Amino acid sequence: MSAAPTDDGPKPPHGERLYRLQRRLAEFAAARDWAPYHTPKNLAVALSVEASELVEIFQWLTPEQSAAIMENPESAHRVTDEVADVLAYLLQFCEVLGVDVLDALAAKIERNEHRFPATGTSAPDRHSSE
């Protein structure tokens, strides 16, 4: 059994860590000759499936149960595994299409700040999905 990783100091900035993980995923897929299967369509479908598996964990929970999901080690493990799967497929999708995920997110947040200015009220009139 291998030892758990140790904390050897501060972690690199999130962007650098994300880039390293994206490169690692690309190398993992390349070493297995998966490129023919990693088309935008296939990766988008896989991303949707993994997101659905995350949703399934919460499907019949009450709001209180869903808020406490990480308190149980077994359910916490399931959630973190599905989050990892969703992020892995998202990063692979972005890799194939040349999308910088952090730039895309920053641009989307900026657009939403303009679309939905803070009003100072606790109940917004509409949600970002509108």
Protein backbone atom coordinates (compact mmCIF):
# COMPACT_ATOMS: atom_id res chain seq x y z
CA MET A 1 0.00 0.00 0.00
CA SER A 2 1.39 3.39 -0.92
CA ALA A 3 1.58 6.25 1.50
CA ALA A 4 -0.79 9.15 1.24
CA PRO A 5 0.64 12.21 -0.49
CA THR A 6 2.24 14.69 1.84
CA ASP A 7 1.85 18.43 1.83
CA ASP A 8 5.24 19.61 0.58
CA GLY A 9 4.36 23.27 0.69
CA PRO A 10 1.93 25.56 -1.09
CA LYS A 11 0.06 24.28 -4.12
CA PRO A 12 0.57 25.99 -7.45
CA PRO A 13 -2.11 28.49 -8.50
CA HIS A 14 -5.42 26.92 -9.55
CA GLY A 15 -4.90 27.76 -13.21
CA GLU A 16 -1.57 25.98 -13.24
CA ARG A 17 -2.97 22.96 -11.40
CA LEU A 18 -5.90 22.81 -13.81
CA TYR A 19 -3.54 23.01 -16.79
CA ARG A 20 -1.36 20.20 -15.38
CA LEU A 21 -4.41 18.00 -14.81
CA GLN A 22 -5.68 18.72 -18.32
CA ARG A 23 -2.28 17.75 -19.74
CA ARG A 24 -2.28 14.59 -17.61
CA LEU A 25 -5.71 13.62 -18.94
CA ALA A 26 -4.55 14.22 -22.52
CA GLU A 27 -1.46 12.09 -21.96
CA PHE A 28 -3.55 9.36 -20.31
CA ALA A 29 -5.89 9.23 -23.32
CA ALA A 30 -3.04 9.40 -25.84
CA ALA A 31 -1.20 6.50 -24.16
CA ARG A 32 -4.32 4.37 -24.70
CA ASP A 33 -4.98 5.52 -28.28
CA TRP A 34 -8.36 6.96 -27.33
CA ALA A 35 -8.13 9.99 -29.65
CA PRO A 36 -10.50 8.46 -32.25
CA TYR A 37 -13.17 8.21 -29.53
CA HIS A 38 -12.58 11.64 -28.00
CA THR A 39 -14.63 13.59 -30.50
CA PRO A 40 -16.53 16.67 -29.35
CA LYS A 41 -19.83 14.77 -29.67
CA ASN A 42 -18.64 11.74 -27.70
CA LEU A 43 -17.10 13.88 -24.97
CA ALA A 44 -20.24 16.04 -24.69
CA VAL A 45 -22.34 12.89 -24.34
CA ALA A 46 -19.97 11.43 -21.74
CA LEU A 47 -20.05 14.74 -19.83
CA SER A 48 -23.85 14.64 -19.82
CA VAL A 49 -23.88 11.05 -18.58
CA GLU A 50 -21.48 11.84 -15.73
CA ALA A 51 -23.47 14.95 -14.76
CA SER A 52 -26.59 12.75 -14.70
CA GLU A 53 -24.81 10.30 -12.40
CA LEU A 54 -24.12 13.21 -10.04
CA VAL A 55 -27.78 14.25 -10.21
CA GLU A 56 -28.84 10.68 -9.47
CA ILE A 57 -27.14 10.82 -6.06
CA PHE A 58 -29.40 13.72 -5.07
CA GLN A 59 -32.55 12.62 -6.92
CA TRP A 60 -34.85 11.77 -4.00
CA LEU A 61 -33.16 13.67 -1.19
CA THR A 62 -34.83 16.44 0.73
CA PRO A 63 -33.11 19.83 0.66
CA GLU A 64 -31.81 19.11 4.19
CA GLN A 65 -30.45 15.69 3.20
CA SER A 66 -28.77 17.10 0.13
CA ALA A 67 -27.11 19.85 2.19
CA ALA A 68 -25.71 17.19 4.55
CA ILE A 69 -24.53 14.76 1.84
CA MET A 70 -20.82 15.27 2.56
CA GLU A 71 -21.20 14.30 6.23
CA ASN A 72 -21.45 10.62 5.33
CA PRO A 73 -18.11 9.26 4.07
CA GLU A 74 -19.75 6.83 1.60
CA SER A 75 -22.00 9.44 -0.02
CA ALA A 76 -19.19 12.02 0.08
CA HIS A 77 -16.97 9.57 -1.83
CA ARG A 78 -19.68 9.05 -4.45
CA VAL A 79 -20.14 12.80 -4.89
CA THR A 80 -16.41 13.51 -5.21
CA ASP A 81 -15.99 10.67 -7.72
CA GLU A 82 -18.79 12.03 -9.91
CA VAL A 83 -17.49 15.60 -9.62
CA ALA A 84 -14.10 14.30 -10.77
CA ASP A 85 -15.69 12.49 -13.71
CA VAL A 86 -17.64 15.61 -14.76
CA LEU A 87 -14.52 17.78 -14.56
CA ALA A 88 -12.40 15.21 -16.40
CA TYR A 89 -14.79 15.04 -19.33
CA LEU A 90 -15.22 18.82 -19.37
CA LEU A 91 -11.46 19.32 -19.49
CA GLN A 92 -11.08 16.72 -22.24
CA PHE A 93 -13.90 18.37 -24.20
CA CYS A 94 -12.17 21.75 -23.85
CA GLU A 95 -8.83 20.21 -24.86
CA VAL A 96 -10.28 18.82 -28.09
CA LEU A 97 -11.99 22.09 -29.03
CA GLY A 98 -9.24 24.43 -27.82
CA VAL A 99 -11.42 26.15 -25.21
CA ASP A 100 -9.65 27.70 -22.23
CA VAL A 101 -12.08 26.74 -19.49
CA LEU A 102 -10.97 29.47 -17.07
CA ASP A 103 -11.18 32.20 -19.73
CA ALA A 104 -14.61 30.91 -20.77
CA LEU A 105 -15.83 31.00 -17.17
CA ALA A 106 -14.44 34.48 -16.53
CA ALA A 107 -16.14 35.81 -19.68
CA LYS A 108 -19.45 34.17 -18.73
CA ILE A 109 -19.36 35.62 -15.21
CA GLU A 110 -18.69 39.08 -16.66
CA ARG A 111 -21.63 38.77 -19.08
CA ASN A 112 -23.89 37.60 -16.25
CA GLU A 113 -22.81 40.53 -14.05
CA HIS A 114 -24.08 42.83 -16.78
CA ARG A 115 -27.24 40.81 -17.47
CA PHE A 116 -28.12 40.43 -13.79
CA PRO A 117 -26.90 43.49 -11.88
CA ALA A 118 -26.99 43.24 -8.10
CA THR A 119 -30.18 44.88 -6.87
CA GLY A 120 -29.64 44.65 -3.15
CA THR A 121 -32.73 42.48 -2.74
CA SER A 122 -32.60 38.94 -1.45
CA ALA A 123 -34.95 37.53 -4.11
CA PRO A 124 -33.90 38.12 -7.72
CA ASP A 125 -36.64 38.53 -10.32
CA ARG A 126 -35.11 35.94 -12.61
CA HIS A 127 -32.45 33.27 -12.69
CA SER A 128 -29.44 32.87 -14.97
CA SER A 129 -31.19 30.05 -16.86
CA GLU A 130 -33.76 32.49 -18.23
